[in-house]
Amino acid sequence: MRMEDVIFTRVGGVKTACLSRKQLVDLIVQRSLDYKDPFFAFSAPLTVLDSNGQAVSLANSNAEFKKALEDADIVHADGQSIVSFSRWFSDNPIPERTATTDTIHDIPTYFDGTLRHFLLGGTKQVVKQCGDILSSKYANFKVAGVRDGYFSAEEESRVVDEINEAKPDVLWVGLGKPKEQRFVKNNKNKLKVPVIITCGGCYNYITGDYKRAPEIFQKTGFEWLHRAATEPRKLLWRYLTTNPHTIYCVLKHRHKKHAE
């Protein structure tokens, strides 16, 4: 699958790709393979950012964050609520949720070939453990490098150099919103990688530090409720403030359902 094959819609004012899990993987893999061709070797990375309730809220209140999403090649439905809203208010409904926590497993599952991955973000212990788990589980998931997410703006250029020296096919950026989107926007033209994907707290789910909600919560769009209940100090206030604002933004933009 290539970019020209992707259909887009708008959810809460955010241009969002109508992709299945398999299609998202196909897009990532195809760009990684294309990049090995000298003709494509100097092209800009494919930037894949995610959308959920928090992203819609931020896009409607933070101009810098909104610009980062608009500049991305792909914004996909990381949250089930985005899928549901597209089915209610769009002529092009999103086929299914494409959670990055699933995508990182889907790539070595759907694609038999080997890709090199660089994991950026989290603590030193978590990101290293995550890389070890994935490379042990999937023979075709090669870890080109890992780097924790605790670096200053002054250190950013050194981080970019470290990534480029590792020569990964896929760069995962797990710095949390809006820091990871800002990092991608500011550095995508400096990074010599085929694909860049934002992934939030994905590494912590893989290591088991965060527990995923039961499947019924995931499929019905209430994973946020499970997370708020299990991590109230960290997440309860966020959901209490962003969820109403997200619904307002979706209703406000419900007539702007066609991607331009």
C-alpha atoms as a PDB file:
ATOM      1  CA  MET A   1       0.000   0.000   0.000  1.00  0.00           C
ATOM      2  CA  ARG A   2       1.201   3.512  -0.828  1.00  0.00           C
ATOM      3  CA  MET A   3       0.206   7.005   0.227  1.00  0.00           C
ATOM      4  CA  GLU A   4      -1.830   7.601  -2.925  1.00  0.00           C
ATOM      5  CA  ASP A   5      -4.077   4.676  -1.942  1.00  0.00           C
ATOM      6  CA  VAL A   6      -5.007   6.104   1.468  1.00  0.00           C
ATOM      7  CA  ILE A   7      -8.481   7.575   2.041  1.00  0.00           C
ATOM      8  CA  PHE A   8      -8.817  10.313   4.663  1.00  0.00           C
ATOM      9  CA  THR A   9     -11.641  11.716   6.753  1.00  0.00           C
ATOM     10  CA  ARG A  10     -11.872  14.330   9.496  1.00  0.00           C
ATOM     11  CA  VAL A  11     -12.663  13.636  13.140  1.00  0.00           C
ATOM     12  CA  GLY A  12     -12.836  16.595  15.494  1.00  0.00           C
ATOM     13  CA  GLY A  13     -11.147  18.713  12.848  1.00  0.00           C
ATOM     14  CA  VAL A  14      -8.184  16.322  12.579  1.00  0.00           C
ATOM     15  CA  LYS A  15      -7.422  14.800   9.179  1.00  0.00           C
ATOM     16  CA  THR A  16      -7.348  11.068   9.898  1.00  0.00           C
ATOM     17  CA  ALA A  17      -6.459   8.080   7.714  1.00  0.00           C
ATOM     18  CA  CYS A  18      -9.077   5.375   7.127  1.00  0.00           C
ATOM     19  CA  LEU A  19      -6.803   2.389   7.629  1.00  0.00           C
ATOM     20  CA  SER A  20      -7.080  -1.131   9.004  1.00  0.00           C
ATOM     21  CA  ARG A  21      -4.280  -2.592  11.105  1.00  0.00           C
ATOM     22  CA  LYS A  22      -3.023  -4.600   8.131  1.00  0.00           C
ATOM     23  CA  GLN A  23      -3.133  -1.572   5.814  1.00  0.00           C
ATOM     24  CA  LEU A  24      -1.140   0.528   8.269  1.00  0.00           C
ATOM     25  CA  VAL A  25       1.514  -2.177   8.450  1.00  0.00           C
ATOM     26  CA  ASP A  26       1.563  -2.472   4.640  1.00  0.00           C
ATOM     27  CA  LEU A  27       2.139   1.280   4.362  1.00  0.00           C
ATOM     28  CA  ILE A  28       5.000   1.213   6.880  1.00  0.00           C
ATOM     29  CA  VAL A  29       6.641  -1.834   5.315  1.00  0.00           C
ATOM     30  CA  GLN A  30       6.323  -0.509   1.760  1.00  0.00           C
ATOM     31  CA  ARG A  31       8.037   2.765   2.681  1.00  0.00           C
ATOM     32  CA  SER A  32      10.802   0.853   4.474  1.00  0.00           C
ATOM     33  CA  LEU A  33      11.373  -1.310   1.392  1.00  0.00           C
ATOM     34  CA  ASP A  34      11.198   1.666  -0.985  1.00  0.00           C
ATOM     35  CA  TYR A  35      13.842   3.453   1.067  1.00  0.00           C
ATOM     36  CA  LYS A  36      16.355   0.737   0.222  1.00  0.00           C
ATOM     37  CA  ASP A  37      16.093   1.814  -3.423  1.00  0.00           C
ATOM     38  CA  PRO A  38      18.697   4.549  -4.137  1.00  0.00           C
ATOM     39  CA  PHE A  39      15.968   6.528  -5.927  1.00  0.00           C
ATOM     40  CA  PHE A  40      14.076   6.940  -2.625  1.00  0.00           C
ATOM     41  CA  ALA A  41      17.057   7.033  -0.268  1.00  0.00           C
ATOM     42  CA  PHE A  42      17.062  10.809   0.090  1.00  0.00           C
ATOM     43  CA  SER A  43      13.307  11.256   0.476  1.00  0.00           C
ATOM     44  CA  ALA A  44      11.792  12.531   3.715  1.00  0.00           C
ATOM     45  CA  PRO A  45      10.597   9.962   6.266  1.00  0.00           C
ATOM     46  CA  LEU A  46       6.995   8.779   6.316  1.00  0.00           C
ATOM     47  CA  THR A  47       5.651  10.397   9.492  1.00  0.00           C
ATOM     48  CA  VAL A  48       2.906   8.452  11.277  1.00  0.00           C
ATOM     49  CA  LEU A  49       1.221  10.234  14.188  1.00  0.00           C
ATOM     50  CA  ASP A  50      -1.687   8.977  16.268  1.00  0.00           C
ATOM     51  CA  SER A  51      -5.066  10.419  17.187  1.00  0.00           C
ATOM     52  CA  ASN A  52      -7.202   9.757  20.245  1.00  0.00           C
ATOM     53  CA  GLY A  53      -9.405  11.871  22.490  1.00  0.00           C
ATOM     54  CA  GLN A  54      -6.443  13.724  23.963  1.00  0.00           C
ATOM     55  CA  ALA A  55      -5.040  14.462  20.496  1.00  0.00           C
ATOM     56  CA  VAL A  56      -8.344  15.933  19.278  1.00  0.00           C
ATOM     57  CA  SER A  57      -8.551  18.114  22.381  1.00  0.00           C
ATOM     58  CA  LEU A  58      -4.959  19.319  21.991  1.00  0.00           C
ATOM     59  CA  ALA A  59      -5.364  19.945  18.254  1.00  0.00           C
ATOM     60  CA  ASN A  60      -8.241  22.297  19.038  1.00  0.00           C
ATOM     61  CA  SER A  61      -6.439  24.172  21.806  1.00  0.00           C
ATOM     62  CA  ASN A  62      -2.734  24.083  20.920  1.00  0.00           C
ATOM     63  CA  ALA A  63      -1.717  25.639  17.586  1.00  0.00           C
ATOM     64  CA  GLU A  64       1.736  24.023  17.575  1.00  0.00           C
ATOM     65  CA  PHE A  65       0.271  20.568  18.171  1.00  0.00           C
ATOM     66  CA  LYS A  66      -2.343  21.088  15.456  1.00  0.00           C
ATOM     67  CA  LYS A  67       0.383  22.097  12.985  1.00  0.00           C
ATOM     68  CA  ALA A  68       2.382  18.965  13.840  1.00  0.00           C
ATOM     69  CA  LEU A  69      -0.630  16.784  12.995  1.00  0.00           C
ATOM     70  CA  GLU A  70      -1.320  18.705   9.790  1.00  0.00           C
ATOM     71  CA  ASP A  71       2.299  18.280   8.683  1.00  0.00           C
ATOM     72  CA  ALA A  72       2.262  14.504   9.255  1.00  0.00           C
ATOM     73  CA  ASP A  73       1.798  12.112   6.349  1.00  0.00           C
ATOM     74  CA  ILE A  74      -0.528   9.868   8.336  1.00  0.00           C
ATOM     75  CA  VAL A  75      -2.613  10.443  11.454  1.00  0.00           C
ATOM     76  CA  HIS A  76      -4.244   7.157  12.426  1.00  0.00           C
ATOM     77  CA  ALA A  77      -6.959   6.174  14.903  1.00  0.00           C
ATOM     78  CA  ASP A  78      -5.054   5.087  17.995  1.00  0.00           C
ATOM     79  CA  GLY A  79      -8.212   5.514  20.089  1.00  0.00           C
ATOM     80  CA  GLN A  80     -11.474   3.595  19.642  1.00  0.00           C
ATOM     81  CA  SER A  81     -13.446   6.815  20.153  1.00  0.00           C
ATOM     82  CA  ILE A  82     -11.969   8.171  16.903  1.00  0.00           C
ATOM     83  CA  VAL A  83     -13.276   5.114  15.048  1.00  0.00           C
ATOM     84  CA  SER A  84     -16.731   5.491  16.625  1.00  0.00           C
ATOM     85  CA  PHE A  85     -16.952   9.207  15.863  1.00  0.00           C
ATOM     86  CA  SER A  86     -15.979   8.546  12.225  1.00  0.00           C
ATOM     87  CA  ARG A  87     -18.820   6.031  11.920  1.00  0.00           C
ATOM     88  CA  TRP A  88     -21.341   8.491  13.316  1.00  0.00           C
ATOM     89  CA  PHE A  89     -20.270  11.651  11.511  1.00  0.00           C
ATOM     90  CA  SER A  90     -18.241  10.712   8.414  1.00  0.00           C
ATOM     91  CA  ASP A  91     -18.983   9.423   4.930  1.00  0.00           C
ATOM     92  CA  ASN A  92     -15.655   7.553   5.133  1.00  0.00           C
ATOM     93  CA  PRO A  93     -15.722   5.591   8.400  1.00  0.00           C
ATOM     94  CA  ILE A  94     -12.438   4.287   9.770  1.00  0.00           C
ATOM     95  CA  PRO A  95     -12.483   0.458   9.527  1.00  0.00           C
ATOM     96  CA  GLU A  96     -10.894  -0.280  12.899  1.00  0.00           C
ATOM     97  CA  ARG A  97      -8.711   1.006  15.672  1.00  0.00           C
ATOM     98  CA  THR A  98      -4.977   0.976  14.972  1.00  0.00           C
ATOM     99  CA  ALA A  99      -3.485   1.244  18.461  1.00  0.00           C
ATOM    100  CA  THR A 100       0.290   1.668  18.342  1.00  0.00           C
ATOM    101  CA  THR A 101       0.485  -0.901  21.142  1.00  0.00           C
ATOM    102  CA  ASP A 102      -0.852  -3.368  18.552  1.00  0.00           C
ATOM    103  CA  THR A 103       1.045  -1.942  15.569  1.00  0.00           C
ATOM    104  CA  ILE A 104       4.450  -2.618  17.108  1.00  0.00           C
ATOM    105  CA  HIS A 105       3.458  -6.310  17.262  1.00  0.00           C
ATOM    106  CA  ASP A 106       1.586  -6.265  13.938  1.00  0.00           C
ATOM    107  CA  ILE A 107       4.658  -5.321  11.897  1.00  0.00           C
ATOM    108  CA  PRO A 108       6.698  -8.479  12.659  1.00  0.00           C
ATOM    109  CA  THR A 109       3.502 -10.556  12.599  1.00  0.00           C
ATOM    110  CA  TYR A 110       2.168  -9.480   9.191  1.00  0.00           C
ATOM    111  CA  PHE A 111       5.575  -8.993   7.523  1.00  0.00           C
ATOM    112  CA  ASP A 112       7.907 -11.987   7.271  1.00  0.00           C
ATOM    113  CA  GLY A 113      10.943  -9.905   6.401  1.00  0.00           C
ATOM    114  CA  THR A 114      13.257  -8.281   8.917  1.00  0.00           C
ATOM    115  CA  LEU A 115      13.115  -4.596   9.814  1.00  0.00           C
ATOM    116  CA  ARG A 116      15.429  -2.624  12.094  1.00  0.00           C
ATOM    117  CA  HIS A 117      13.751  -0.596  14.830  1.00  0.00           C
ATOM    118  CA  PHE A 118      14.982   2.235  17.065  1.00  0.00           C
ATOM    119  CA  LEU A 119      13.048   2.799  20.298  1.00  0.00           C
ATOM    120  CA  LEU A 120      13.146   6.352  21.668  1.00  0.00           C
ATOM    121  CA  GLY A 121      11.464   7.298  24.934  1.00  0.00           C
ATOM    122  CA  GLY A 122      10.685   6.055  28.419  1.00  0.00           C
ATOM    123  CA  THR A 123      13.255   5.363  31.111  1.00  0.00           C
ATOM    124  CA  LYS A 124      16.543   3.616  30.347  1.00  0.00           C
ATOM    125  CA  GLN A 125      15.325   0.461  32.059  1.00  0.00           C
ATOM    126  CA  VAL A 126      11.911   0.380  30.357  1.00  0.00           C
ATOM    127  CA  VAL A 127      13.088   1.071  26.802  1.00  0.00           C
ATOM    128  CA  LYS A 128      15.912  -1.491  27.049  1.00  0.00           C
ATOM    129  CA  GLN A 129      13.576  -4.113  28.508  1.00  0.00           C
ATOM    130  CA  CYS A 130      11.008  -3.382  25.792  1.00  0.00           C
ATOM    131  CA  GLY A 131      13.624  -3.884  23.076  1.00  0.00           C
ATOM    132  CA  ASP A 132      14.766  -7.147  24.656  1.00  0.00           C
ATOM    133  CA  ILE A 133      11.186  -8.472  24.857  1.00  0.00           C
ATOM    134  CA  LEU A 134      10.345  -7.636  21.241  1.00  0.00           C
ATOM    135  CA  SER A 135      13.591  -8.971  19.767  1.00  0.00           C
ATOM    136  CA  SER A 136      13.193 -12.193  21.774  1.00  0.00           C
ATOM    137  CA  LYS A 137       9.570 -12.648  20.745  1.00  0.00           C
ATOM    138  CA  TYR A 138      10.066 -11.888  17.039  1.00  0.00           C
ATOM    139  CA  ALA A 139      13.146 -13.083  15.160  1.00  0.00           C
ATOM    140  CA  ASN A 140      12.435 -10.473  12.459  1.00  0.00           C
ATOM    141  CA  PHE A 141      12.256  -7.547  14.922  1.00  0.00           C
ATOM    142  CA  LYS A 142      15.826  -6.254  15.067  1.00  0.00           C
ATOM    143  CA  VAL A 143      16.579  -3.539  17.599  1.00  0.00           C
ATOM    144  CA  ALA A 144      18.968  -1.079  15.962  1.00  0.00           C
ATOM    145  CA  GLY A 145      19.151   1.006  19.117  1.00  0.00           C
ATOM    146  CA  VAL A 146      17.341   2.380  22.148  1.00  0.00           C
ATOM    147  CA  ARG A 147      17.461   5.777  23.865  1.00  0.00           C
ATOM    148  CA  ASP A 148      15.581   6.996  26.901  1.00  0.00           C
ATOM    149  CA  GLY A 149      13.340  10.030  26.594  1.00  0.00           C
ATOM    150  CA  TYR A 150      15.052  12.170  29.209  1.00  0.00           C
ATOM    151  CA  PHE A 151      17.028  14.677  27.189  1.00  0.00           C
ATOM    152  CA  SER A 152      17.051  18.458  26.935  1.00  0.00           C
ATOM    153  CA  ALA A 153      16.436  20.606  23.868  1.00  0.00           C
ATOM    154  CA  GLU A 154      20.195  21.191  23.714  1.00  0.00           C
ATOM    155  CA  GLU A 155      20.805  17.432  23.532  1.00  0.00           C
ATOM    156  CA  GLU A 156      18.267  16.864  20.753  1.00  0.00           C
ATOM    157  CA  SER A 157      20.773  17.131  17.910  1.00  0.00           C
ATOM    158  CA  ARG A 158      22.936  14.443  19.544  1.00  0.00           C
ATOM    159  CA  VAL A 159      19.879  12.197  19.841  1.00  0.00           C
ATOM    160  CA  VAL A 160      19.184  12.688  16.123  1.00  0.00           C
ATOM    161  CA  ASP A 161      22.802  11.807  15.301  1.00  0.00           C
ATOM    162  CA  GLU A 162      22.567   8.665  17.443  1.00  0.00           C
ATOM    163  CA  ILE A 163      19.432   7.558  15.583  1.00  0.00           C
ATOM    164  CA  ASN A 164      20.944   8.240  12.167  1.00  0.00           C
ATOM    165  CA  GLU A 165      24.105   6.308  13.042  1.00  0.00           C
ATOM    166  CA  ALA A 166      21.971   3.274  13.992  1.00  0.00           C
ATOM    167  CA  LYS A 167      20.300   3.277  10.537  1.00  0.00           C
ATOM    168  CA  PRO A 168      16.892   1.928  11.579  1.00  0.00           C
ATOM    169  CA  ASP A 169      14.012   1.252   9.210  1.00  0.00           C
ATOM    170  CA  VAL A 170      11.441   2.385  11.777  1.00  0.00           C
ATOM    171  CA  LEU A 171      11.876   4.977  14.531  1.00  0.00           C
ATOM    172  CA  TRP A 172       9.406   4.728  17.419  1.00  0.00           C
ATOM    173  CA  VAL A 173       9.004   7.966  19.391  1.00  0.00           C
ATOM    174  CA  GLY A 174       7.460   7.413  22.815  1.00  0.00           C
ATOM    175  CA  LEU A 175       7.783  10.768  24.554  1.00  0.00           C
ATOM    176  CA  GLY A 176       4.110  11.448  25.286  1.00  0.00           C
ATOM    177  CA  LYS A 177       1.887  14.185  23.874  1.00  0.00           C
ATOM    178  CA  PRO A 178       2.723  16.866  22.847  1.00  0.00           C
ATOM    179  CA  LYS A 179       6.486  16.340  23.207  1.00  0.00           C
ATOM    180  CA  GLU A 180       6.721  13.447  20.734  1.00  0.00           C
ATOM    181  CA  GLN A 181       4.777  15.333  18.049  1.00  0.00           C
ATOM    182  CA  ARG A 182       7.023  18.354  18.553  1.00  0.00           C
ATOM    183  CA  PHE A 183      10.127  16.160  18.253  1.00  0.00           C
ATOM    184  CA  VAL A 184       8.913  14.663  14.966  1.00  0.00           C
ATOM    185  CA  LYS A 185       7.943  18.044  13.503  1.00  0.00           C
ATOM    186  CA  ASN A 186      11.274  19.645  14.440  1.00  0.00           C
ATOM    187  CA  ASN A 187      13.526  16.790  13.344  1.00  0.00           C
ATOM    188  CA  LYS A 188      11.854  14.860  10.521  1.00  0.00           C
ATOM    189  CA  ASN A 189      14.005  16.534   7.874  1.00  0.00           C
ATOM    190  CA  LYS A 190      17.173  15.735   9.849  1.00  0.00           C
ATOM    191  CA  LEU A 191      16.340  12.084  10.456  1.00  0.00           C
ATOM    192  CA  LYS A 192      17.583   9.676   7.776  1.00  0.00           C
ATOM    193  CA  VAL A 193      15.029   6.953   8.436  1.00  0.00           C
ATOM    194  CA  PRO A 194      12.215   5.552   6.259  1.00  0.00           C
ATOM    195  CA  VAL A 195       9.442   5.722   8.879  1.00  0.00           C
ATOM    196  CA  ILE A 196       8.801   7.637  12.123  1.00  0.00           C
ATOM    197  CA  ILE A 197       5.923   6.577  14.396  1.00  0.00           C
ATOM    198  CA  THR A 198       4.747   8.214  17.624  1.00  0.00           C
ATOM    199  CA  CYS A 199       3.782   5.667  20.263  1.00  0.00           C
ATOM    200  CA  GLY A 200       3.169   7.345  23.639  1.00  0.00           C
ATOM    201  CA  GLY A 201       3.449   4.893  26.538  1.00  0.00           C
ATOM    202  CA  CYS A 202       3.656   1.826  24.293  1.00  0.00           C
ATOM    203  CA  TYR A 203       6.900   0.551  25.833  1.00  0.00           C
ATOM    204  CA  ASN A 204       5.383   0.416  29.325  1.00  0.00           C
ATOM    205  CA  TYR A 205       2.565  -1.815  28.085  1.00  0.00           C
ATOM    206  CA  ILE A 206       5.045  -4.213  26.517  1.00  0.00           C
ATOM    207  CA  THR A 207       7.116  -4.436  29.709  1.00  0.00           C
ATOM    208  CA  GLY A 208       3.965  -4.917  31.777  1.00  0.00           C
ATOM    209  CA  ASP A 209       4.334  -1.709  33.800  1.00  0.00           C
ATOM    210  CA  TYR A 210       0.987  -0.582  32.371  1.00  0.00           C
ATOM    211  CA  LYS A 211      -1.875  -3.058  32.080  1.00  0.00           C
ATOM    212  CA  ARG A 212      -4.132  -2.971  29.024  1.00  0.00           C
ATOM    213  CA  ALA A 213      -7.855  -2.853  29.664  1.00  0.00           C
ATOM    214  CA  PRO A 214      -9.996  -5.973  29.124  1.00  0.00           C
ATOM    215  CA  GLU A 215     -10.967  -6.399  25.467  1.00  0.00           C
ATOM    216  CA  ILE A 216     -14.569  -5.315  26.076  1.00  0.00           C
ATOM    217  CA  PHE A 217     -13.294  -1.909  27.282  1.00  0.00           C
ATOM    218  CA  GLN A 218     -11.003  -1.601  24.250  1.00  0.00           C
ATOM    219  CA  LYS A 219     -13.705  -2.433  21.706  1.00  0.00           C
ATOM    220  CA  THR A 220     -16.373  -0.187  23.230  1.00  0.00           C
ATOM    221  CA  GLY A 221     -14.121   2.846  23.566  1.00  0.00           C
ATOM    222  CA  PHE A 222     -14.000   2.791  27.362  1.00  0.00           C
ATOM    223  CA  GLU A 223     -10.344   1.890  27.779  1.00  0.00           C
ATOM    224  CA  TRP A 224      -9.886   5.377  29.217  1.00  0.00           C
ATOM    225  CA  LEU A 225     -12.248   4.454  32.076  1.00  0.00           C
ATOM    226  CA  HIS A 226     -10.167   1.407  32.957  1.00  0.00           C
ATOM    227  CA  ARG A 227      -6.973   3.462  32.825  1.00  0.00           C
ATOM    228  CA  ALA A 228      -8.468   6.212  34.981  1.00  0.00           C
ATOM    229  CA  ALA A 229      -9.564   3.623  37.542  1.00  0.00           C
ATOM    230  CA  THR A 230      -6.162   1.921  37.671  1.00  0.00           C
ATOM    231  CA  GLU A 231      -4.063   5.127  37.559  1.00  0.00           C
ATOM    232  CA  PRO A 232      -6.337   7.809  39.093  1.00  0.00           C
ATOM    233  CA  ARG A 233      -3.603  10.154  40.310  1.00  0.00           C
ATOM    234  CA  LYS A 234      -2.009  10.280  36.882  1.00  0.00           C
ATOM    235  CA  LEU A 235      -4.985  10.105  34.534  1.00  0.00           C
ATOM    236  CA  LEU A 236      -8.319  10.890  36.219  1.00  0.00           C
ATOM    237  CA  TRP A 237      -8.035  14.675  35.922  1.00  0.00           C
ATOM    238  CA  ARG A 238      -6.824  14.404  32.321  1.00  0.00           C
ATOM    239  CA  TYR A 239      -9.864  12.403  31.259  1.00  0.00           C
ATOM    240  CA  LEU A 240     -12.300  14.543  33.249  1.00  0.00           C
ATOM    241  CA  THR A 241     -11.065  17.643  31.421  1.00  0.00           C
ATOM    242  CA  THR A 242     -10.224  16.355  27.938  1.00  0.00           C
ATOM    243  CA  ASN A 243     -13.178  14.015  27.312  1.00  0.00           C
ATOM    244  CA  PRO A 244     -15.899  16.714  27.434  1.00  0.00           C
ATOM    245  CA  HIS A 245     -13.721  19.016  25.316  1.00  0.00           C
ATOM    246  CA  THR A 246     -13.117  16.245  22.776  1.00  0.00           C
ATOM    247  CA  ILE A 247     -16.852  15.591  22.409  1.00  0.00           C
ATOM    248  CA  TYR A 248     -17.449  19.328  21.982  1.00  0.00           C
ATOM    249  CA  CYS A 249     -14.762  19.487  19.249  1.00  0.00           C
ATOM    250  CA  VAL A 250     -16.210  16.493  17.400  1.00  0.00           C
ATOM    251  CA  LEU A 251     -19.701  18.010  17.439  1.00  0.00           C
ATOM    252  CA  LYS A 252     -18.339  21.412  16.451  1.00  0.00           C
ATOM    253  CA  HIS A 253     -16.580  19.962  13.394  1.00  0.00           C
ATOM    254  CA  ARG A 254     -19.176  17.318  12.518  1.00  0.00           C
ATOM    255  CA  HIS A 255     -20.105  19.045   9.240  1.00  0.00           C
ATOM    256  CA  LYS A 256     -16.428  19.265   8.212  1.00  0.00           C
ATOM    257  CA  LYS A 257     -16.153  15.549   7.615  1.00  0.00           C
ATOM    258  CA  HIS A 258     -14.298  15.524   4.306  1.00  0.00           C
ATOM    259  CA  ALA A 259     -10.502  15.652   4.326  1.00  0.00           C
ATOM    260  CA  GLU A 260      -9.130  18.369   2.081  1.00  0.00           C
END
